[in-house]
Amino acid sequence: ELQGGIEMVLSKTTGNFYATAKKAFIP
């Protein structure tokens, strides 16, 4: 399970930013 760096995303519903990171799996 791999995780990328932190990203700040603007919420479409609240208009506030939240922190997230994308994940992927490699065999």
PDB file of all heavy atoms in Angstrom:
ATOM      1  N   GLU A   1       0.862  -1.181   0.000  1.00  0.00           N
ATOM      2  CA  GLU A   1       0.000   0.000   0.000  1.00  0.00           C
ATOM      3  C   GLU A   1       0.896   1.229   0.000  1.00  0.00           C
ATOM      4  O   GLU A   1       1.708   1.426   0.909  1.00  0.00           O
ATOM      5  CB  GLU A   1      -0.907   0.003   1.232  1.00  0.00           C
ATOM      6  CG  GLU A   1      -1.883   1.144   1.244  1.00  0.00           C
ATOM      7  CD  GLU A   1      -2.839   1.094   2.429  1.00  0.00           C
ATOM      8  OE1 GLU A   1      -2.650   0.250   3.338  1.00  0.00           O
ATOM      9  OE2 GLU A   1      -3.770   1.914   2.462  1.00  0.00           O
ATOM     10  N   LEU A   2       0.772   2.052  -1.044  1.00  0.00           N
ATOM     11  CA  LEU A   2       1.577   3.256  -1.191  1.00  0.00           C
ATOM     12  C   LEU A   2       0.724   4.489  -0.932  1.00  0.00           C
ATOM     13  O   LEU A   2      -0.460   4.512  -1.278  1.00  0.00           O
ATOM     14  CB  LEU A   2       2.150   3.344  -2.615  1.00  0.00           C
ATOM     15  CG  LEU A   2       2.927   2.140  -3.127  1.00  0.00           C
ATOM     16  CD1 LEU A   2       3.381   2.389  -4.549  1.00  0.00           C
ATOM     17  CD2 LEU A   2       4.097   1.823  -2.221  1.00  0.00           C
ATOM     18  N   GLN A   3       1.334   5.514  -0.367  1.00  0.00           N
ATOM     19  CA  GLN A   3       0.628   6.769  -0.128  1.00  0.00           C
ATOM     20  C   GLN A   3       1.493   7.914  -0.632  1.00  0.00           C
ATOM     21  O   GLN A   3       2.690   7.965  -0.359  1.00  0.00           O
ATOM     22  CB  GLN A   3       0.359   6.950   1.362  1.00  0.00           C
ATOM     23  CG  GLN A   3      -0.395   8.221   1.678  1.00  0.00           C
ATOM     24  CD  GLN A   3      -0.780   8.280   3.143  1.00  0.00           C
ATOM     25  OE1 GLN A   3      -1.331   7.335   3.686  1.00  0.00           O
ATOM     26  NE2 GLN A   3      -0.479   9.395   3.781  1.00  0.00           N
ATOM     27  N   GLY A   4       0.859   8.829  -1.380  1.00  0.00           N
ATOM     28  CA  GLY A   4       1.546  10.015  -1.876  1.00  0.00           C
ATOM     29  C   GLY A   4       1.634  11.071  -0.797  1.00  0.00           C
ATOM     30  O   GLY A   4       1.193  10.878   0.337  1.00  0.00           O
ATOM     31  N   GLY A   5       2.188  12.215  -1.160  1.00  0.00           N
ATOM     32  CA  GLY A   5       2.338  13.314  -0.219  1.00  0.00           C
ATOM     33  C   GLY A   5       1.006  13.971   0.113  1.00  0.00           C
ATOM     34  O   GLY A   5      -0.009  13.755  -0.549  1.00  0.00           O
ATOM     35  N   ILE A   6       1.030  14.798   1.137  1.00  0.00           N
ATOM     36  CA  ILE A   6      -0.174  15.491   1.582  1.00  0.00           C
ATOM     37  C   ILE A   6      -0.614  16.504   0.514  1.00  0.00           C
ATOM     38  O   ILE A   6       0.205  17.137  -0.135  1.00  0.00           O
ATOM     39  CB  ILE A   6       0.056  16.183   2.937  1.00  0.00           C
ATOM     40  CG1 ILE A   6      -1.260  16.711   3.498  1.00  0.00           C
ATOM     41  CG2 ILE A   6       1.096  17.272   2.823  1.00  0.00           C
ATOM     42  CD1 ILE A   6      -1.160  17.188   4.933  1.00  0.00           C
ATOM     43  N   GLU A   7      -1.923  16.596   0.327  1.00  0.00           N
ATOM     44  CA  GLU A   7      -2.508  17.549  -0.610  1.00  0.00           C
ATOM     45  C   GLU A   7      -3.632  18.289   0.093  1.00  0.00           C
ATOM     46  O   GLU A   7      -4.382  17.705   0.864  1.00  0.00           O
ATOM     47  CB  GLU A   7      -3.089  16.810  -1.826  1.00  0.00           C
ATOM     48  CG  GLU A   7      -2.063  16.046  -2.627  1.00  0.00           C
ATOM     49  CD  GLU A   7      -2.672  15.312  -3.802  1.00  0.00           C
ATOM     50  OE1 GLU A   7      -3.742  15.717  -4.280  1.00  0.00           O
ATOM     51  OE2 GLU A   7      -2.072  14.323  -4.227  1.00  0.00           O
ATOM     52  N   MET A   8      -3.744  19.563  -0.213  1.00  0.00           N
ATOM     53  CA  MET A   8      -4.837  20.365   0.338  1.00  0.00           C
ATOM     54  C   MET A   8      -5.915  20.476  -0.733  1.00  0.00           C
ATOM     55  O   MET A   8      -5.644  20.861  -1.870  1.00  0.00           O
ATOM     56  CB  MET A   8      -4.344  21.753   0.738  1.00  0.00           C
ATOM     57  CG  MET A   8      -3.266  21.719   1.824  1.00  0.00           C
ATOM     58  SD  MET A   8      -3.746  20.821   3.312  1.00  0.00           S
ATOM     59  CE  MET A   8      -5.019  21.882   3.948  1.00  0.00           C
ATOM     60  N   VAL A   9      -7.142  20.105  -0.368  1.00  0.00           N
ATOM     61  CA  VAL A   9      -8.263  20.090  -1.305  1.00  0.00           C
ATOM     62  C   VAL A   9      -9.363  20.995  -0.759  1.00  0.00           C
ATOM     63  O   VAL A   9      -9.651  20.980   0.442  1.00  0.00           O
ATOM     64  CB  VAL A   9      -8.792  18.654  -1.497  1.00  0.00           C
ATOM     65  CG1 VAL A   9      -9.983  18.638  -2.436  1.00  0.00           C
ATOM     66  CG2 VAL A   9      -7.689  17.746  -2.005  1.00  0.00           C
ATOM     67  N   LEU A  10      -9.974  21.752  -1.653  1.00  0.00           N
ATOM     68  CA  LEU A  10     -11.064  22.639  -1.276  1.00  0.00           C
ATOM     69  C   LEU A  10     -12.382  21.877  -1.365  1.00  0.00           C
ATOM     70  O   LEU A  10     -12.731  21.343  -2.418  1.00  0.00           O
ATOM     71  CB  LEU A  10     -11.102  23.858  -2.204  1.00  0.00           C
ATOM     72  CG  LEU A  10     -12.114  24.936  -1.888  1.00  0.00           C
ATOM     73  CD1 LEU A  10     -11.841  25.550  -0.516  1.00  0.00           C
ATOM     74  CD2 LEU A  10     -12.084  26.016  -2.966  1.00  0.00           C
ATOM     75  N   SER A  11     -13.116  21.800  -0.259  1.00  0.00           N
ATOM     76  CA  SER A  11     -14.388  21.093  -0.217  1.00  0.00           C
ATOM     77  C   SER A  11     -15.427  21.832  -1.058  1.00  0.00           C
ATOM     78  O   SER A  11     -15.593  23.048  -0.930  1.00  0.00           O
ATOM     79  CB  SER A  11     -14.890  20.984   1.223  1.00  0.00           C
ATOM     80  OG  SER A  11     -16.216  20.496   1.247  1.00  0.00           O
ATOM     81  N   LYS A  12     -16.145  21.098  -1.905  1.00  0.00           N
ATOM     82  CA  LYS A  12     -17.201  21.701  -2.726  1.00  0.00           C
ATOM     83  C   LYS A  12     -18.429  22.047  -1.885  1.00  0.00           C
ATOM     84  O   LYS A  12     -19.180  22.945  -2.227  1.00  0.00           O
ATOM     85  CB  LYS A  12     -17.603  20.735  -3.854  1.00  0.00           C
ATOM     86  CG  LYS A  12     -16.516  20.536  -4.882  1.00  0.00           C
ATOM     87  CD  LYS A  12     -16.943  19.545  -5.944  1.00  0.00           C
ATOM     88  CE  LYS A  12     -15.839  19.285  -6.939  1.00  0.00           C
ATOM     89  NZ  LYS A  12     -16.196  18.261  -7.911  1.00  0.00           N
ATOM     90  N   THR A  13     -18.638  21.329  -0.802  1.00  0.00           N
ATOM     91  CA  THR A  13     -19.837  21.569   0.008  1.00  0.00           C
ATOM     92  C   THR A  13     -19.630  22.640   1.081  1.00  0.00           C
ATOM     93  O   THR A  13     -20.507  23.468   1.297  1.00  0.00           O
ATOM     94  CB  THR A  13     -20.322  20.269   0.683  1.00  0.00           C
ATOM     95  OG1 THR A  13     -19.259  19.721   1.450  1.00  0.00           O
ATOM     96  CG2 THR A  13     -20.784  19.268  -0.350  1.00  0.00           C
ATOM     97  N   THR A  14     -18.467  22.640   1.761  1.00  0.00           N
ATOM     98  CA  THR A  14     -18.259  23.600   2.852  1.00  0.00           C
ATOM     99  C   THR A  14     -17.414  24.803   2.450  1.00  0.00           C
ATOM    100  O   THR A  14     -17.441  25.819   3.129  1.00  0.00           O
ATOM    101  CB  THR A  14     -17.567  22.922   4.051  1.00  0.00           C
ATOM    102  OG1 THR A  14     -16.230  22.553   3.659  1.00  0.00           O
ATOM    103  CG2 THR A  14     -18.336  21.714   4.533  1.00  0.00           C
ATOM    104  N   GLY A  15     -16.633  24.668   1.378  1.00  0.00           N
ATOM    105  CA  GLY A  15     -15.733  25.752   0.982  1.00  0.00           C
ATOM    106  C   GLY A  15     -14.471  25.818   1.811  1.00  0.00           C
ATOM    107  O   GLY A  15     -13.658  26.722   1.649  1.00  0.00           O
ATOM    108  N   ASN A  16     -14.282  24.850   2.712  1.00  0.00           N
ATOM    109  CA  ASN A  16     -13.083  24.799   3.550  1.00  0.00           C
ATOM    110  C   ASN A  16     -12.076  23.808   2.965  1.00  0.00           C
ATOM    111  O   ASN A  16     -12.443  22.845   2.299  1.00  0.00           O
ATOM    112  CB  ASN A  16     -13.435  24.366   4.968  1.00  0.00           C
ATOM    113  CG  ASN A  16     -14.306  25.377   5.661  1.00  0.00           C
ATOM    114  OD1 ASN A  16     -14.171  26.581   5.454  1.00  0.00           O
ATOM    115  ND2 ASN A  16     -15.223  24.897   6.487  1.00  0.00           N
ATOM    116  N   PHE A  17     -10.804  24.030   3.296  1.00  0.00           N
ATOM    117  CA  PHE A  17      -9.761  23.100   2.860  1.00  0.00           C
ATOM    118  C   PHE A  17      -9.690  21.908   3.804  1.00  0.00           C
ATOM    119  O   PHE A  17     -10.003  22.018   4.991  1.00  0.00           O
ATOM    120  CB  PHE A  17      -8.397  23.798   2.846  1.00  0.00           C
ATOM    121  CG  PHE A  17      -8.206  24.676   1.647  1.00  0.00           C
ATOM    122  CD1 PHE A  17      -8.435  26.035   1.731  1.00  0.00           C
ATOM    123  CD2 PHE A  17      -7.787  24.144   0.437  1.00  0.00           C
ATOM    124  CE1 PHE A  17      -8.265  26.857   0.637  1.00  0.00           C
ATOM    125  CE2 PHE A  17      -7.609  24.952  -0.673  1.00  0.00           C
ATOM    126  CZ  PHE A  17      -7.847  26.315  -0.575  1.00  0.00           C
ATOM    127  N   TYR A  18      -9.294  20.783   3.272  1.00  0.00           N
ATOM    128  CA  TYR A  18      -8.981  19.621   4.092  1.00  0.00           C
ATOM    129  C   TYR A  18      -7.753  18.934   3.523  1.00  0.00           C
ATOM    130  O   TYR A  18      -7.444  19.062   2.345  1.00  0.00           O
ATOM    131  CB  TYR A  18     -10.168  18.654   4.203  1.00  0.00           C
ATOM    132  CG  TYR A  18     -10.612  18.024   2.897  1.00  0.00           C
ATOM    133  CD1 TYR A  18     -10.116  16.780   2.489  1.00  0.00           C
ATOM    134  CD2 TYR A  18     -11.542  18.650   2.076  1.00  0.00           C
ATOM    135  CE1 TYR A  18     -10.529  16.203   1.309  1.00  0.00           C
ATOM    136  CE2 TYR A  18     -11.966  18.069   0.893  1.00  0.00           C
ATOM    137  CZ  TYR A  18     -11.453  16.841   0.509  1.00  0.00           C
ATOM    138  OH  TYR A  18     -11.850  16.263  -0.661  1.00  0.00           O
ATOM    139  N   ALA A  19      -7.020  18.233   4.379  1.00  0.00           N
ATOM    140  CA  ALA A  19      -5.796  17.540   3.979  1.00  0.00           C
ATOM    141  C   ALA A  19      -6.134  16.112   3.600  1.00  0.00           C
ATOM    142  O   ALA A  19      -6.938  15.443   4.253  1.00  0.00           O
ATOM    143  CB  ALA A  19      -4.783  17.559   5.116  1.00  0.00           C
ATOM    144  N   THR A  20      -5.513  15.635   2.530  1.00  0.00           N
ATOM    145  CA  THR A  20      -5.719  14.263   2.091  1.00  0.00           C
ATOM    146  C   THR A  20      -4.448  13.759   1.423  1.00  0.00           C
ATOM    147  O   THR A  20      -3.513  14.527   1.178  1.00  0.00           O
ATOM    148  CB  THR A  20      -6.924  14.161   1.128  1.00  0.00           C
ATOM    149  OG1 THR A  20      -7.201  12.772   0.865  1.00  0.00           O
ATOM    150  CG2 THR A  20      -6.654  14.876  -0.178  1.00  0.00           C
ATOM    151  N   ALA A  21      -4.403  12.490   1.130  1.00  0.00           N
ATOM    152  CA  ALA A  21      -3.288  11.883   0.406  1.00  0.00           C
ATOM    153  C   ALA A  21      -3.845  10.724  -0.417  1.00  0.00           C
ATOM    154  O   ALA A  21      -4.719   9.984   0.056  1.00  0.00           O
ATOM    155  CB  ALA A  21      -2.217  11.395   1.372  1.00  0.00           C
ATOM    156  N   LYS A  22      -3.350  10.592  -1.614  1.00  0.00           N
ATOM    157  CA  LYS A  22      -3.815   9.518  -2.492  1.00  0.00           C
ATOM    158  C   LYS A  22      -3.087   8.216  -2.162  1.00  0.00           C
ATOM    159  O   LYS A  22      -1.948   8.222  -1.720  1.00  0.00           O
ATOM    160  CB  LYS A  22      -3.578   9.912  -3.940  1.00  0.00           C
ATOM    161  CG  LYS A  22      -4.419  11.119  -4.321  1.00  0.00           C
ATOM    162  CD  LYS A  22      -4.276  11.451  -5.774  1.00  0.00           C
ATOM    163  CE  LYS A  22      -5.160  12.594  -6.202  1.00  0.00           C
ATOM    164  NZ  LYS A  22      -5.224  13.720  -5.357  1.00  0.00           N
ATOM    165  N   LYS A  23      -3.797   7.089  -2.356  1.00  0.00           N
ATOM    166  CA  LYS A  23      -3.223   5.773  -2.072  1.00  0.00           C
ATOM    167  C   LYS A  23      -3.363   4.879  -3.297  1.00  0.00           C
ATOM    168  O   LYS A  23      -4.270   5.046  -4.096  1.00  0.00           O
ATOM    169  CB  LYS A  23      -3.937   5.117  -0.895  1.00  0.00           C
ATOM    170  CG  LYS A  23      -3.739   5.811   0.418  1.00  0.00           C
ATOM    171  CD  LYS A  23      -4.467   5.079   1.526  1.00  0.00           C
ATOM    172  CE  LYS A  23      -4.343   5.819   2.843  1.00  0.00           C
ATOM    173  NZ  LYS A  23      -5.058   5.119   3.907  1.00  0.00           N
ATOM    174  N   ALA A  24      -2.453   3.927  -3.407  1.00  0.00           N
ATOM    175  CA  ALA A  24      -2.505   2.931  -4.481  1.00  0.00           C
ATOM    176  C   ALA A  24      -1.863   1.650  -3.968  1.00  0.00           C
ATOM    177  O   ALA A  24      -1.124   1.659  -2.972  1.00  0.00           O
ATOM    178  CB  ALA A  24      -1.769   3.433  -5.721  1.00  0.00           C
ATOM    179  N   PHE A  25      -2.166   0.547  -4.624  1.00  0.00           N
ATOM    180  CA  PHE A  25      -1.580  -0.746  -4.282  1.00  0.00           C
ATOM    181  C   PHE A  25      -0.786  -1.263  -5.468  1.00  0.00           C
ATOM    182  O   PHE A  25      -1.217  -1.109  -6.614  1.00  0.00           O
ATOM    183  CB  PHE A  25      -2.680  -1.762  -3.937  1.00  0.00           C
ATOM    184  CG  PHE A  25      -3.390  -1.455  -2.648  1.00  0.00           C
ATOM    185  CD1 PHE A  25      -4.524  -0.664  -2.637  1.00  0.00           C
ATOM    186  CD2 PHE A  25      -2.916  -1.952  -1.449  1.00  0.00           C
ATOM    187  CE1 PHE A  25      -5.188  -0.374  -1.459  1.00  0.00           C
ATOM    188  CE2 PHE A  25      -3.571  -1.673  -0.261  1.00  0.00           C
ATOM    189  CZ  PHE A  25      -4.703  -0.881  -0.268  1.00  0.00           C
ATOM    190  N   ILE A  26       0.386  -1.866  -5.192  1.00  0.00           N
ATOM    191  CA  ILE A  26       1.165  -2.500  -6.250  1.00  0.00           C
ATOM    192  C   ILE A  26       1.494  -3.932  -5.830  1.00  0.00           C
ATOM    193  O   ILE A  26       1.817  -4.190  -4.667  1.00  0.00           O
ATOM    194  CB  ILE A  26       2.458  -1.731  -6.584  1.00  0.00           C
ATOM    195  CG1 ILE A  26       3.353  -1.562  -5.357  1.00  0.00           C
ATOM    196  CG2 ILE A  26       2.153  -0.378  -7.204  1.00  0.00           C
ATOM    197  CD1 ILE A  26       4.736  -1.034  -5.677  1.00  0.00           C
ATOM    198  N   PRO A  27       1.390  -4.882  -6.768  1.00  0.00           N
ATOM    199  CA  PRO A  27       1.705  -6.269  -6.434  1.00  0.00           C
ATOM    200  C   PRO A  27       3.208  -6.458  -6.230  1.00  0.00           C
ATOM    201  O   PRO A  27       4.014  -5.687  -6.756  1.00  0.00           O
ATOM    202  CB  PRO A  27       1.206  -7.047  -7.653  1.00  0.00           C
ATOM    203  CG  PRO A  27       1.135  -6.060  -8.760  1.00  0.00           C
ATOM    204  CD  PRO A  27       0.926  -4.718  -8.138  1.00  0.00           C
TER     205      PRO A  27
END
